[in-house]
Amino acid sequence: MSFSAVKTLLPTRRHSLQEAASWFRALGDETRLKIVECVMESEQCVCDLTELLSTKQSLLSFHLKTLKDAGILNDRRDGRWVYYSLNPDAFTFLEQFLGTLKERSRKPEGVRKCCD
């Protein structure tokens, strides 16, 4: 698939492929996937996540920052506590991106011979 064809996969907001790569990198860690799983149902406070994941707050903060910097999590401060929730826009884009890849993999546009 050419670069211009990949660009057409992107939704109106025109997320760059670099952003998509950053999301995949952020989601490519088991601890970060566990965090995403914890916040799927409702937002979670850092203290709750520390307990749920049985981890130290400093390590958890690193993973939360990675997910937030990638745009996967939103945060909300309430007094001295920070609450995290999923960013639905990121997952909407990933769903569209992967859906398009899946569809195109089933219907290749043509076969290109490279070695004759």
PDB file of N, CA and C in Angstrom:
ATOM      1  N   MET A   1       0.844  -1.160   0.000  1.00  0.00           N
ATOM      2  CA  MET A   1       0.000   0.000   0.000  1.00  0.00           C
ATOM      3  C   MET A   1       0.898   1.235   0.000  1.00  0.00           C
ATOM      4  N   SER A   2       0.588   2.175  -0.837  1.00  0.00           N
ATOM      5  CA  SER A   2       1.416   3.373  -0.940  1.00  0.00           C
ATOM      6  C   SER A   2       1.146   4.304   0.223  1.00  0.00           C
ATOM      7  N   PHE A   3       2.068   5.250   0.435  1.00  0.00           N
ATOM      8  CA  PHE A   3       1.910   6.217   1.517  1.00  0.00           C
ATOM      9  C   PHE A   3       0.639   7.037   1.312  1.00  0.00           C
ATOM     10  N   SER A   4       0.359   7.431   0.067  1.00  0.00           N
ATOM     11  CA  SER A   4      -0.852   8.228  -0.180  1.00  0.00           C
ATOM     12  C   SER A   4      -2.100   7.415   0.135  1.00  0.00           C
ATOM     13  N   ALA A   5      -2.085   6.118  -0.109  1.00  0.00           N
ATOM     14  CA  ALA A   5      -3.231   5.272   0.226  1.00  0.00           C
ATOM     15  C   ALA A   5      -3.394   5.183   1.738  1.00  0.00           C
ATOM     16  N   VAL A   6      -2.287   5.101   2.465  1.00  0.00           N
ATOM     17  CA  VAL A   6      -2.353   5.052   3.921  1.00  0.00           C
ATOM     18  C   VAL A   6      -2.905   6.363   4.457  1.00  0.00           C
ATOM     19  N   LYS A   7      -2.526   7.482   3.851  1.00  0.00           N
ATOM     20  CA  LYS A   7      -3.012   8.782   4.310  1.00  0.00           C
ATOM     21  C   LYS A   7      -4.520   8.878   4.197  1.00  0.00           C
ATOM     22  N   THR A   8      -5.110   8.185   3.221  1.00  0.00           N
ATOM     23  CA  THR A   8      -6.558   8.243   3.058  1.00  0.00           C
ATOM     24  C   THR A   8      -7.282   7.457   4.145  1.00  0.00           C
ATOM     25  N   LEU A   9      -6.545   6.618   4.888  1.00  0.00           N
ATOM     26  CA  LEU A   9      -7.145   5.871   5.981  1.00  0.00           C
ATOM     27  C   LEU A   9      -7.445   6.774   7.167  1.00  0.00           C
ATOM     28  N   LEU A  10      -6.778   7.892   7.237  1.00  0.00           N
ATOM     29  CA  LEU A  10      -6.857   8.733   8.405  1.00  0.00           C
ATOM     30  C   LEU A  10      -8.162   9.520   8.418  1.00  0.00           C
ATOM     31  N   PRO A  11      -8.784   9.653   9.606  1.00  0.00           N
ATOM     32  CA  PRO A  11     -10.042  10.376   9.695  1.00  0.00           C
ATOM     33  C   PRO A  11      -9.847  11.875   9.503  1.00  0.00           C
ATOM     34  N   THR A  12     -10.940  12.603   9.583  1.00  0.00           N
ATOM     35  CA  THR A  12     -10.950  14.029   9.311  1.00  0.00           C
ATOM     36  C   THR A  12      -9.910  14.789  10.120  1.00  0.00           C
ATOM     37  N   ARG A  13      -9.673  14.410  11.327  1.00  0.00           N
ATOM     38  CA  ARG A  13      -8.698  15.115  12.169  1.00  0.00           C
ATOM     39  C   ARG A  13      -7.284  14.955  11.640  1.00  0.00           C
ATOM     40  N   ARG A  14      -7.068  14.088  10.682  1.00  0.00           N
ATOM     41  CA  ARG A  14      -5.769  13.898  10.043  1.00  0.00           C
ATOM     42  C   ARG A  14      -4.651  13.571  11.027  1.00  0.00           C
ATOM     43  N   HIS A  15      -4.920  12.554  11.864  1.00  0.00           N
ATOM     44  CA  HIS A  15      -3.858  12.083  12.747  1.00  0.00           C
ATOM     45  C   HIS A  15      -2.704  11.601  11.875  1.00  0.00           C
ATOM     46  N   SER A  16      -1.528  11.890  12.289  1.00  0.00           N
ATOM     47  CA  SER A  16      -0.373  11.448  11.506  1.00  0.00           C
ATOM     48  C   SER A  16      -0.060   9.993  11.824  1.00  0.00           C
ATOM     49  N   LEU A  17       0.670   9.386  10.932  1.00  0.00           N
ATOM     50  CA  LEU A  17       1.105   8.010  11.176  1.00  0.00           C
ATOM     51  C   LEU A  17       2.028   7.947  12.379  1.00  0.00           C
ATOM     52  N   GLN A  18       2.735   9.031  12.655  1.00  0.00           N
ATOM     53  CA  GLN A  18       3.591   9.073  13.847  1.00  0.00           C
ATOM     54  C   GLN A  18       2.742   8.938  15.108  1.00  0.00           C
ATOM     55  N   GLU A  19       1.582   9.587  15.136  1.00  0.00           N
ATOM     56  CA  GLU A  19       0.698   9.474  16.293  1.00  0.00           C
ATOM     57  C   GLU A  19       0.190   8.040  16.441  1.00  0.00           C
ATOM     58  N   ALA A  20      -0.180   7.424  15.339  1.00  0.00           N
ATOM     59  CA  ALA A  20      -0.646   6.032  15.395  1.00  0.00           C
ATOM     60  C   ALA A  20       0.466   5.133  15.918  1.00  0.00           C
ATOM     61  N   ALA A  21       1.693   5.351  15.442  1.00  0.00           N
ATOM     62  CA  ALA A  21       2.826   4.555  15.911  1.00  0.00           C
ATOM     63  C   ALA A  21       3.040   4.759  17.407  1.00  0.00           C
ATOM     64  N   SER A  22       2.859   5.986  17.868  1.00  0.00           N
ATOM     65  CA  SER A  22       3.036   6.257  19.300  1.00  0.00           C
ATOM     66  C   SER A  22       1.959   5.544  20.121  1.00  0.00           C
ATOM     67  N   TRP A  23       0.726   5.459  19.590  1.00  0.00           N
ATOM     68  CA  TRP A  23      -0.330   4.733  20.292  1.00  0.00           C
ATOM     69  C   TRP A  23      -0.008   3.249  20.366  1.00  0.00           C
ATOM     70  N   PHE A  24       0.454   2.686  19.262  1.00  0.00           N
ATOM     71  CA  PHE A  24       0.798   1.262  19.276  1.00  0.00           C
ATOM     72  C   PHE A  24       1.963   0.984  20.227  1.00  0.00           C
ATOM     73  N   ARG A  25       2.955   1.882  20.260  1.00  0.00           N
ATOM     74  CA  ARG A  25       4.078   1.708  21.203  1.00  0.00           C
ATOM     75  C   ARG A  25       3.569   1.773  22.644  1.00  0.00           C
ATOM     76  N   ALA A  26       2.704   2.739  22.919  1.00  0.00           N
ATOM     77  CA  ALA A  26       2.178   2.885  24.284  1.00  0.00           C
ATOM     78  C   ALA A  26       1.356   1.667  24.694  1.00  0.00           C
ATOM     79  N   LEU A  27       0.623   1.095  23.764  1.00  0.00           N
ATOM     80  CA  LEU A  27      -0.207  -0.070  24.068  1.00  0.00           C
ATOM     81  C   LEU A  27       0.577  -1.378  24.015  1.00  0.00           C
ATOM     82  N   GLY A  28       1.837  -1.308  23.611  1.00  0.00           N
ATOM     83  CA  GLY A  28       2.654  -2.509  23.463  1.00  0.00           C
ATOM     84  C   GLY A  28       3.344  -2.953  24.742  1.00  0.00           C
ATOM     85  N   ASP A  29       2.805  -2.577  25.884  1.00  0.00           N
ATOM     86  CA  ASP A  29       3.392  -2.955  27.165  1.00  0.00           C
ATOM     87  C   ASP A  29       2.286  -3.562  28.029  1.00  0.00           C
ATOM     88  N   GLU A  30       2.573  -4.685  28.647  1.00  0.00           N
ATOM     89  CA  GLU A  30       1.547  -5.402  29.411  1.00  0.00           C
ATOM     90  C   GLU A  30       0.995  -4.565  30.573  1.00  0.00           C
ATOM     91  N   THR A  31       1.858  -3.851  31.278  1.00  0.00           N
ATOM     92  CA  THR A  31       1.391  -3.024  32.394  1.00  0.00           C
ATOM     93  C   THR A  31       0.458  -1.937  31.902  1.00  0.00           C
ATOM     94  N   ARG A  32       0.795  -1.301  30.778  1.00  0.00           N
ATOM     95  CA  ARG A  32      -0.058  -0.251  30.245  1.00  0.00           C
ATOM     96  C   ARG A  32      -1.392  -0.811  29.751  1.00  0.00           C
ATOM     97  N   LEU A  33      -1.368  -2.021  29.201  1.00  0.00           N
ATOM     98  CA  LEU A  33      -2.636  -2.654  28.811  1.00  0.00           C
ATOM     99  C   LEU A  33      -3.492  -2.952  30.040  1.00  0.00           C
ATOM    100  N   LYS A  34      -2.866  -3.319  31.140  1.00  0.00           N
ATOM    101  CA  LYS A  34      -3.613  -3.548  32.385  1.00  0.00           C
ATOM    102  C   LYS A  34      -4.236  -2.246  32.878  1.00  0.00           C
ATOM    103  N   ILE A  35      -3.506  -1.140  32.745  1.00  0.00           N
ATOM    104  CA  ILE A  35      -4.051   0.161  33.137  1.00  0.00           C
ATOM    105  C   ILE A  35      -5.271   0.483  32.287  1.00  0.00           C
ATOM    106  N   VAL A  36      -5.153   0.283  30.971  1.00  0.00           N
ATOM    107  CA  VAL A  36      -6.280   0.533  30.063  1.00  0.00           C
ATOM    108  C   VAL A  36      -7.466  -0.328  30.468  1.00  0.00           C
ATOM    109  N   GLU A  37      -7.205  -1.568  30.792  1.00  0.00           N
ATOM    110  CA  GLU A  37      -8.274  -2.472  31.215  1.00  0.00           C
ATOM    111  C   GLU A  37      -8.944  -1.958  32.501  1.00  0.00           C
ATOM    112  N   CYS A  38      -8.165  -1.415  33.418  1.00  0.00           N
ATOM    113  CA  CYS A  38      -8.708  -0.899  34.680  1.00  0.00           C
ATOM    114  C   CYS A  38      -9.600   0.323  34.477  1.00  0.00           C
ATOM    115  N   VAL A  39      -9.284   1.146  33.501  1.00  0.00           N
ATOM    116  CA  VAL A  39     -10.060   2.377  33.307  1.00  0.00           C
ATOM    117  C   VAL A  39     -11.148   2.227  32.237  1.00  0.00           C
ATOM    118  N   MET A  40     -11.320   1.015  31.706  1.00  0.00           N
ATOM    119  CA  MET A  40     -12.344   0.801  30.682  1.00  0.00           C
ATOM    120  C   MET A  40     -13.746   1.105  31.190  1.00  0.00           C
ATOM    121  N   GLU A  41     -14.065   0.681  32.377  1.00  0.00           N
ATOM    122  CA  GLU A  41     -15.420   0.826  32.899  1.00  0.00           C
ATOM    123  C   GLU A  41     -15.676   2.223  33.448  1.00  0.00           C
ATOM    124  N   SER A  42     -14.696   2.782  34.142  1.00  0.00           N
ATOM    125  CA  SER A  42     -14.865   4.108  34.739  1.00  0.00           C
ATOM    126  C   SER A  42     -13.496   4.692  35.056  1.00  0.00           C
ATOM    127  N   GLU A  43     -13.473   6.010  35.261  1.00  0.00           N
ATOM    128  CA  GLU A  43     -12.203   6.640  35.577  1.00  0.00           C
ATOM    129  C   GLU A  43     -11.689   6.122  36.907  1.00  0.00           C
ATOM    130  N   GLN A  44     -10.366   6.137  37.024  1.00  0.00           N
ATOM    131  CA  GLN A  44      -9.718   5.604  38.217  1.00  0.00           C
ATOM    132  C   GLN A  44      -8.726   6.613  38.764  1.00  0.00           C
ATOM    133  N   CYS A  45      -8.643   6.677  40.075  1.00  0.00           N
ATOM    134  CA  CYS A  45      -7.673   7.511  40.761  1.00  0.00           C
ATOM    135  C   CYS A  45      -6.331   6.764  40.800  1.00  0.00           C
ATOM    136  N   VAL A  46      -5.259   7.507  40.846  1.00  0.00           N
ATOM    137  CA  VAL A  46      -3.924   6.897  40.909  1.00  0.00           C
ATOM    138  C   VAL A  46      -3.830   5.945  42.096  1.00  0.00           C
ATOM    139  N   CYS A  47      -4.392   6.352  43.236  1.00  0.00           N
ATOM    140  CA  CYS A  47      -4.302   5.489  44.424  1.00  0.00           C
ATOM    141  C   CYS A  47      -5.014   4.159  44.196  1.00  0.00           C
ATOM    142  N   ASP A  48      -6.152   4.193  43.488  1.00  0.00           N
ATOM    143  CA  ASP A  48      -6.876   2.952  43.189  1.00  0.00           C
ATOM    144  C   ASP A  48      -6.091   2.078  42.221  1.00  0.00           C
ATOM    145  N   LEU A  49      -5.501   2.700  41.208  1.00  0.00           N
ATOM    146  CA  LEU A  49      -4.707   1.945  40.236  1.00  0.00           C
ATOM    147  C   LEU A  49      -3.495   1.301  40.897  1.00  0.00           C
ATOM    148  N   THR A  50      -2.866   2.016  41.823  1.00  0.00           N
ATOM    149  CA  THR A  50      -1.712   1.470  42.547  1.00  0.00           C
ATOM    150  C   THR A  50      -2.107   0.191  43.267  1.00  0.00           C
ATOM    151  N   GLU A  51      -3.268   0.222  43.899  1.00  0.00           N
ATOM    152  CA  GLU A  51      -3.755  -0.951  44.625  1.00  0.00           C
ATOM    153  C   GLU A  51      -4.170  -2.072  43.664  1.00  0.00           C
ATOM    154  N   LEU A  52      -4.927  -1.727  42.623  1.00  0.00           N
ATOM    155  CA  LEU A  52      -5.411  -2.735  41.671  1.00  0.00           C
ATOM    156  C   LEU A  52      -4.264  -3.467  40.980  1.00  0.00           C
ATOM    157  N   LEU A  53      -3.201  -2.739  40.677  1.00  0.00           N
ATOM    158  CA  LEU A  53      -2.088  -3.327  39.933  1.00  0.00           C
ATOM    159  C   LEU A  53      -0.940  -3.790  40.836  1.00  0.00           C
ATOM    160  N   SER A  54      -1.091  -3.585  42.124  1.00  0.00           N
ATOM    161  CA  SER A  54      -0.055  -3.963  43.096  1.00  0.00           C
ATOM    162  C   SER A  54       1.325  -3.473  42.653  1.00  0.00           C
ATOM    163  N   THR A  55       1.414  -2.180  42.421  1.00  0.00           N
ATOM    164  CA  THR A  55       2.666  -1.607  41.952  1.00  0.00           C
ATOM    165  C   THR A  55       2.972  -0.329  42.717  1.00  0.00           C
ATOM    166  N   LYS A  56       4.196   0.125  42.605  1.00  0.00           N
ATOM    167  CA  LYS A  56       4.598   1.370  43.258  1.00  0.00           C
ATOM    168  C   LYS A  56       4.101   2.551  42.443  1.00  0.00           C
ATOM    169  N   GLN A  57       3.785   3.637  43.140  1.00  0.00           N
ATOM    170  CA  GLN A  57       3.235   4.809  42.476  1.00  0.00           C
ATOM    171  C   GLN A  57       4.218   5.407  41.468  1.00  0.00           C
ATOM    172  N   SER A  58       5.515   5.358  41.764  1.00  0.00           N
ATOM    173  CA  SER A  58       6.491   5.938  40.838  1.00  0.00           C
ATOM    174  C   SER A  58       6.497   5.194  39.496  1.00  0.00           C
ATOM    175  N   LEU A  59       6.429   3.873  39.536  1.00  0.00           N
ATOM    176  CA  LEU A  59       6.395   3.082  38.300  1.00  0.00           C
ATOM    177  C   LEU A  59       5.069   3.302  37.576  1.00  0.00           C
ATOM    178  N   LEU A  60       3.989   3.347  38.332  1.00  0.00           N
ATOM    179  CA  LEU A  60       2.675   3.580  37.745  1.00  0.00           C
ATOM    180  C   LEU A  60       2.630   4.950  37.067  1.00  0.00           C
ATOM    181  N   SER A  61       3.207   5.956  37.703  1.00  0.00           N
ATOM    182  CA  SER A  61       3.231   7.310  37.138  1.00  0.00           C
ATOM    183  C   SER A  61       3.935   7.336  35.790  1.00  0.00           C
ATOM    184  N   PHE A  62       5.012   6.576  35.660  1.00  0.00           N
ATOM    185  CA  PHE A  62       5.732   6.494  34.378  1.00  0.00           C
ATOM    186  C   PHE A  62       4.803   5.952  33.292  1.00  0.00           C
ATOM    187  N   HIS A  63       4.105   4.875  33.595  1.00  0.00           N
ATOM    188  CA  HIS A  63       3.215   4.260  32.605  1.00  0.00           C
ATOM    189  C   HIS A  63       2.018   5.164  32.285  1.00  0.00           C
ATOM    190  N   LEU A  64       1.466   5.818  33.304  1.00  0.00           N
ATOM    191  CA  LEU A  64       0.351   6.742  33.076  1.00  0.00           C
ATOM    192  C   LEU A  64       0.777   7.908  32.194  1.00  0.00           C
ATOM    193  N   LYS A  65       1.975   8.421  32.427  1.00  0.00           N
ATOM    194  CA  LYS A  65       2.490   9.527  31.607  1.00  0.00           C
ATOM    195  C   LYS A  65       2.653   9.081  30.156  1.00  0.00           C
ATOM    196  N   THR A  66       3.159   7.882  29.944  1.00  0.00           N
ATOM    197  CA  THR A  66       3.321   7.349  28.591  1.00  0.00           C
ATOM    198  C   THR A  66       1.974   7.273  27.882  1.00  0.00           C
ATOM    199  N   LEU A  67       0.960   6.748  28.560  1.00  0.00           N
ATOM    200  CA  LEU A  67      -0.371   6.632  27.969  1.00  0.00           C
ATOM    201  C   LEU A  67      -1.006   8.001  27.739  1.00  0.00           C
ATOM    202  N   LYS A  68      -0.807   8.914  28.664  1.00  0.00           N
ATOM    203  CA  LYS A  68      -1.355  10.263  28.521  1.00  0.00           C
ATOM    204  C   LYS A  68      -0.656  11.010  27.393  1.00  0.00           C
ATOM    205  N   ASP A  69       0.670  10.935  27.328  1.00  0.00           N
ATOM    206  CA  ASP A  69       1.423  11.606  26.265  1.00  0.00           C
ATOM    207  C   ASP A  69       1.042  11.086  24.881  1.00  0.00           C
ATOM    208  N   ALA A  70       0.683   9.803  24.807  1.00  0.00           N
ATOM    209  CA  ALA A  70       0.266   9.209  23.535  1.00  0.00           C
ATOM    210  C   ALA A  70      -1.175   9.579  23.184  1.00  0.00           C
ATOM    211  N   GLY A  71      -1.897  10.172  24.123  1.00  0.00           N
ATOM    212  CA  GLY A  71      -3.283  10.564  23.866  1.00  0.00           C
ATOM    213  C   GLY A  71      -4.292   9.479  24.151  1.00  0.00           C
ATOM    214  N   ILE A  72      -3.867   8.407  24.799  1.00  0.00           N
ATOM    215  CA  ILE A  72      -4.765   7.290  25.075  1.00  0.00           C
ATOM    216  C   ILE A  72      -5.599   7.541  26.326  1.00  0.00           C
ATOM    217  N   LEU A  73      -5.021   8.252  27.284  1.00  0.00           N
ATOM    218  CA  LEU A  73      -5.730   8.567  28.522  1.00  0.00           C
ATOM    219  C   LEU A  73      -5.966  10.058  28.654  1.00  0.00           C
ATOM    220  N   ASN A  74      -7.081  10.390  29.275  1.00  0.00           N
ATOM    221  CA  ASN A  74      -7.357  11.757  29.714  1.00  0.00           C
ATOM    222  C   ASN A  74      -7.135  11.781  31.221  1.00  0.00           C
ATOM    223  N   ASP A  75      -6.774  12.937  31.761  1.00  0.00           N
ATOM    224  CA  ASP A  75      -6.660  13.057  33.208  1.00  0.00           C
ATOM    225  C   ASP A  75      -7.480  14.239  33.696  1.00  0.00           C
ATOM    226  N   ARG A  76      -7.907  14.123  34.954  1.00  0.00           N
ATOM    227  CA  ARG A  76      -8.710  15.160  35.583  1.00  0.00           C
ATOM    228  C   ARG A  76      -8.249  15.294  37.025  1.00  0.00           C
ATOM    229  N   ARG A  77      -7.883  16.509  37.405  1.00  0.00           N
ATOM    230  CA  ARG A  77      -7.431  16.754  38.772  1.00  0.00           C
ATOM    231  C   ARG A  77      -8.618  17.157  39.633  1.00  0.00           C
ATOM    232  N   ASP A  78      -8.688  16.559  40.816  1.00  0.00           N
ATOM    233  CA  ASP A  78      -9.706  16.900  41.803  1.00  0.00           C
ATOM    234  C   ASP A  78      -8.991  17.023  43.145  1.00  0.00           C
ATOM    235  N   GLY A  79      -8.686  18.261  43.522  1.00  0.00           N
ATOM    236  CA  GLY A  79      -7.896  18.475  44.734  1.00  0.00           C
ATOM    237  C   GLY A  79      -6.496  17.950  44.525  1.00  0.00           C
ATOM    238  N   ARG A  80      -6.058  17.076  45.409  1.00  0.00           N
ATOM    239  CA  ARG A  80      -4.710  16.519  45.255  1.00  0.00           C
ATOM    240  C   ARG A  80      -4.681  15.196  44.495  1.00  0.00           C
ATOM    241  N   TRP A  81      -5.833  14.726  44.050  1.00  0.00           N
ATOM    242  CA  TRP A  81      -5.903  13.455  43.331  1.00  0.00           C
ATOM    243  C   TRP A  81      -6.064  13.684  41.830  1.00  0.00           C
ATOM    244  N   VAL A  82      -5.516  12.750  41.062  1.00  0.00           N
ATOM    245  CA  VAL A  82      -5.660  12.784  39.608  1.00  0.00           C
ATOM    246  C   VAL A  82      -6.416  11.532  39.196  1.00  0.00           C
ATOM    247  N   TYR A  83      -7.438  11.727  38.378  1.00  0.00           N
ATOM    248  CA  TYR A  83      -8.264  10.633  37.888  1.00  0.00           C
ATOM    249  C   TYR A  83      -8.006  10.445  36.397  1.00  0.00           C
ATOM    250  N   TYR A  84      -7.925   9.196  35.966  1.00  0.00           N
ATOM    251  CA  TYR A  84      -7.636   8.875  34.568  1.00  0.00           C
ATOM    252  C   TYR A  84      -8.817   8.154  33.938  1.00  0.00           C
ATOM    253  N   SER A  85      -9.041   8.470  32.658  1.00  0.00           N
ATOM    254  CA  SER A  85     -10.085   7.808  31.872  1.00  0.00           C
ATOM    255  C   SER A  85      -9.574   7.637  30.440  1.00  0.00           C
ATOM    256  N   LEU A  86     -10.253   6.773  29.696  1.00  0.00           N
ATOM    257  CA  LEU A  86      -9.868   6.549  28.302  1.00  0.00           C
ATOM    258  C   LEU A  86     -10.248   7.752  27.448  1.00  0.00           C
ATOM    259  N   ASN A  87      -9.436   8.028  26.454  1.00  0.00           N
ATOM    260  CA  ASN A  87      -9.741   9.051  25.461  1.00  0.00           C
ATOM    261  C   ASN A  87     -10.449   8.344  24.306  1.00  0.00           C
ATOM    262  N   PRO A  88     -11.753   8.503  24.171  1.00  0.00           N
ATOM    263  CA  PRO A  88     -12.486   7.764  23.138  1.00  0.00           C
ATOM    264  C   PRO A  88     -12.040   8.118  21.715  1.00  0.00           C
ATOM    265  N   ASP A  89     -11.550   9.335  21.494  1.00  0.00           N
ATOM    266  CA  ASP A  89     -11.090   9.716  20.154  1.00  0.00           C
ATOM    267  C   ASP A  89      -9.934   8.837  19.680  1.00  0.00           C
ATOM    268  N   ALA A  90      -9.025   8.518  20.582  1.00  0.00           N
ATOM    269  CA  ALA A  90      -7.877   7.678  20.214  1.00  0.00           C
ATOM    270  C   ALA A  90      -8.352   6.294  19.773  1.00  0.00           C
ATOM    271  N   PHE A  91      -9.304   5.740  20.497  1.00  0.00           N
ATOM    272  CA  PHE A  91      -9.777   4.400  20.168  1.00  0.00           C
ATOM    273  C   PHE A  91     -10.678   4.393  18.943  1.00  0.00           C
ATOM    274  N   THR A  92     -11.384   5.472  18.708  1.00  0.00           N
ATOM    275  CA  THR A  92     -12.167   5.591  17.481  1.00  0.00           C
ATOM    276  C   THR A  92     -11.234   5.572  16.279  1.00  0.00           C
ATOM    277  N   PHE A  93     -10.149   6.351  16.353  1.00  0.00           N
ATOM    278  CA  PHE A  93      -9.189   6.367  15.259  1.00  0.00           C
ATOM    279  C   PHE A  93      -8.569   4.994  15.063  1.00  0.00           C
ATOM    280  N   LEU A  94      -8.120   4.346  16.147  1.00  0.00           N
ATOM    281  CA  LEU A  94      -7.491   3.035  16.019  1.00  0.00           C
ATOM    282  C   LEU A  94      -8.462   2.009  15.436  1.00  0.00           C
ATOM    283  N   GLU A  95      -9.712   2.089  15.838  1.00  0.00           N
ATOM    284  CA  GLU A  95     -10.728   1.177  15.301  1.00  0.00           C
ATOM    285  C   GLU A  95     -10.895   1.386  13.794  1.00  0.00           C
ATOM    286  N   GLN A  96     -10.963   2.638  13.361  1.00  0.00           N
ATOM    287  CA  GLN A  96     -11.100   2.940  11.936  1.00  0.00           C
ATOM    288  C   GLN A  96      -9.860   2.490  11.173  1.00  0.00           C
ATOM    289  N   PHE A  97      -8.700   2.800  11.724  1.00  0.00           N
ATOM    290  CA  PHE A  97      -7.432   2.461  11.087  1.00  0.00           C
ATOM    291  C   PHE A  97      -7.314   0.950  10.900  1.00  0.00           C
ATOM    292  N   LEU A  98      -7.545   0.194  11.973  1.00  0.00           N
ATOM    293  CA  LEU A  98      -7.445  -1.264  11.893  1.00  0.00           C
ATOM    294  C   LEU A  98      -8.549  -1.863  11.022  1.00  0.00           C
ATOM    295  N   GLY A  99      -9.742  -1.286  11.074  1.00  0.00           N
ATOM    296  CA  GLY A  99     -10.834  -1.770  10.232  1.00  0.00           C
ATOM    297  C   GLY A  99     -10.520  -1.618   8.758  1.00  0.00           C
ATOM    298  N   THR A 100      -9.916  -0.482   8.405  1.00  0.00           N
ATOM    299  CA  THR A 100      -9.535  -0.250   7.017  1.00  0.00           C
ATOM    300  C   THR A 100      -8.449  -1.220   6.588  1.00  0.00           C
ATOM    301  N   LEU A 101      -7.472  -1.451   7.462  1.00  0.00           N
ATOM    302  CA  LEU A 101      -6.414  -2.418   7.146  1.00  0.00           C
ATOM    303  C   LEU A 101      -7.006  -3.815   6.963  1.00  0.00           C
ATOM    304  N   LYS A 102      -7.922  -4.175   7.821  1.00  0.00           N
ATOM    305  CA  LYS A 102      -8.559  -5.491   7.733  1.00  0.00           C
ATOM    306  C   LYS A 102      -9.316  -5.631   6.415  1.00  0.00           C
ATOM    307  N   GLU A 103     -10.096  -4.608   6.067  1.00  0.00           N
ATOM    308  CA  GLU A 103     -10.874  -4.634   4.827  1.00  0.00           C
ATOM    309  C   GLU A 103      -9.969  -4.739   3.605  1.00  0.00           C
ATOM    310  N   ARG A 104      -8.909  -3.941   3.590  1.00  0.00           N
ATOM    311  CA  ARG A 104      -8.008  -3.951   2.436  1.00  0.00           C
ATOM    312  C   ARG A 104      -7.207  -5.242   2.342  1.00  0.00           C
ATOM    313  N   SER A 105      -6.967  -5.888   3.470  1.00  0.00           N
ATOM    314  CA  SER A 105      -6.219  -7.145   3.420  1.00  0.00           C
ATOM    315  C   SER A 105      -7.064  -8.251   2.788  1.00  0.00           C
ATOM    316  N   ARG A 106      -8.370  -8.119   2.870  1.00  0.00           N
ATOM    317  CA  ARG A 106      -9.270  -9.118   2.272  1.00  0.00           C
ATOM    318  C   ARG A 106      -9.458  -8.897   0.775  1.00  0.00           C
ATOM    319  N   LYS A 107      -9.290  -7.655   0.343  1.00  0.00           N
ATOM    320  CA  LYS A 107      -9.499  -7.308  -1.057  1.00  0.00           C
ATOM    321  C   LYS A 107      -8.284  -6.553  -1.590  1.00  0.00           C
ATOM    322  N   PRO A 108      -7.209  -7.255  -1.853  1.00  0.00           N
ATOM    323  CA  PRO A 108      -6.041  -6.546  -2.390  1.00  0.00           C
ATOM    324  C   PRO A 108      -6.384  -5.905  -3.738  1.00  0.00           C
ATOM    325  N   GLU A 109      -5.888  -4.681  -3.942  1.00  0.00           N
ATOM    326  CA  GLU A 109      -6.214  -3.948  -5.169  1.00  0.00           C
ATOM    327  C   GLU A 109      -5.570  -4.553  -6.415  1.00  0.00           C
ATOM    328  N   GLY A 110      -4.507  -5.225  -6.243  1.00  0.00           N
ATOM    329  CA  GLY A 110      -3.846  -5.824  -7.382  1.00  0.00           C
ATOM    330  C   GLY A 110      -2.551  -6.492  -6.931  1.00  0.00           C
ATOM    331  N   VAL A 111      -2.047  -7.334  -7.773  1.00  0.00           N
ATOM    332  CA  VAL A 111      -0.810  -8.011  -7.464  1.00  0.00           C
ATOM    333  C   VAL A 111       0.297  -7.354  -8.252  1.00  0.00           C
ATOM    334  N   ARG A 112       1.327  -6.973  -7.562  1.00  0.00           N
ATOM    335  CA  ARG A 112       2.464  -6.322  -8.197  1.00  0.00           C
ATOM    336  C   ARG A 112       3.627  -7.294  -8.203  1.00  0.00           C
ATOM    337  N   LYS A 113       4.116  -7.615  -9.366  1.00  0.00           N
ATOM    338  CA  LYS A 113       5.253  -8.515  -9.464  1.00  0.00           C
ATOM    339  C   LYS A 113       6.517  -7.706  -9.308  1.00  0.00           C
ATOM    340  N   CYS A 114       7.373  -8.165  -8.434  1.00  0.00           N
ATOM    341  CA  CYS A 114       8.614  -7.423  -8.238  1.00  0.00           C
ATOM    342  C   CYS A 114       9.816  -8.191  -8.754  1.00  0.00           C
ATOM    343  N   CYS A 115       9.671  -9.459  -8.931  1.00  0.00           N
ATOM    344  CA  CYS A 115      10.810 -10.269  -9.384  1.00  0.00           C
ATOM    345  C   CYS A 115      10.383 -11.136 -10.561  1.00  0.00           C
ATOM    346  N   ASP A 116      10.857 -10.795 -11.703  1.00  0.00           N
ATOM    347  CA  ASP A 116      10.523 -11.602 -12.874  1.00  0.00           C
ATOM    348  C   ASP A 116      11.719 -12.378 -13.353  1.00  0.00           C
TER     349      ASP A 116
END
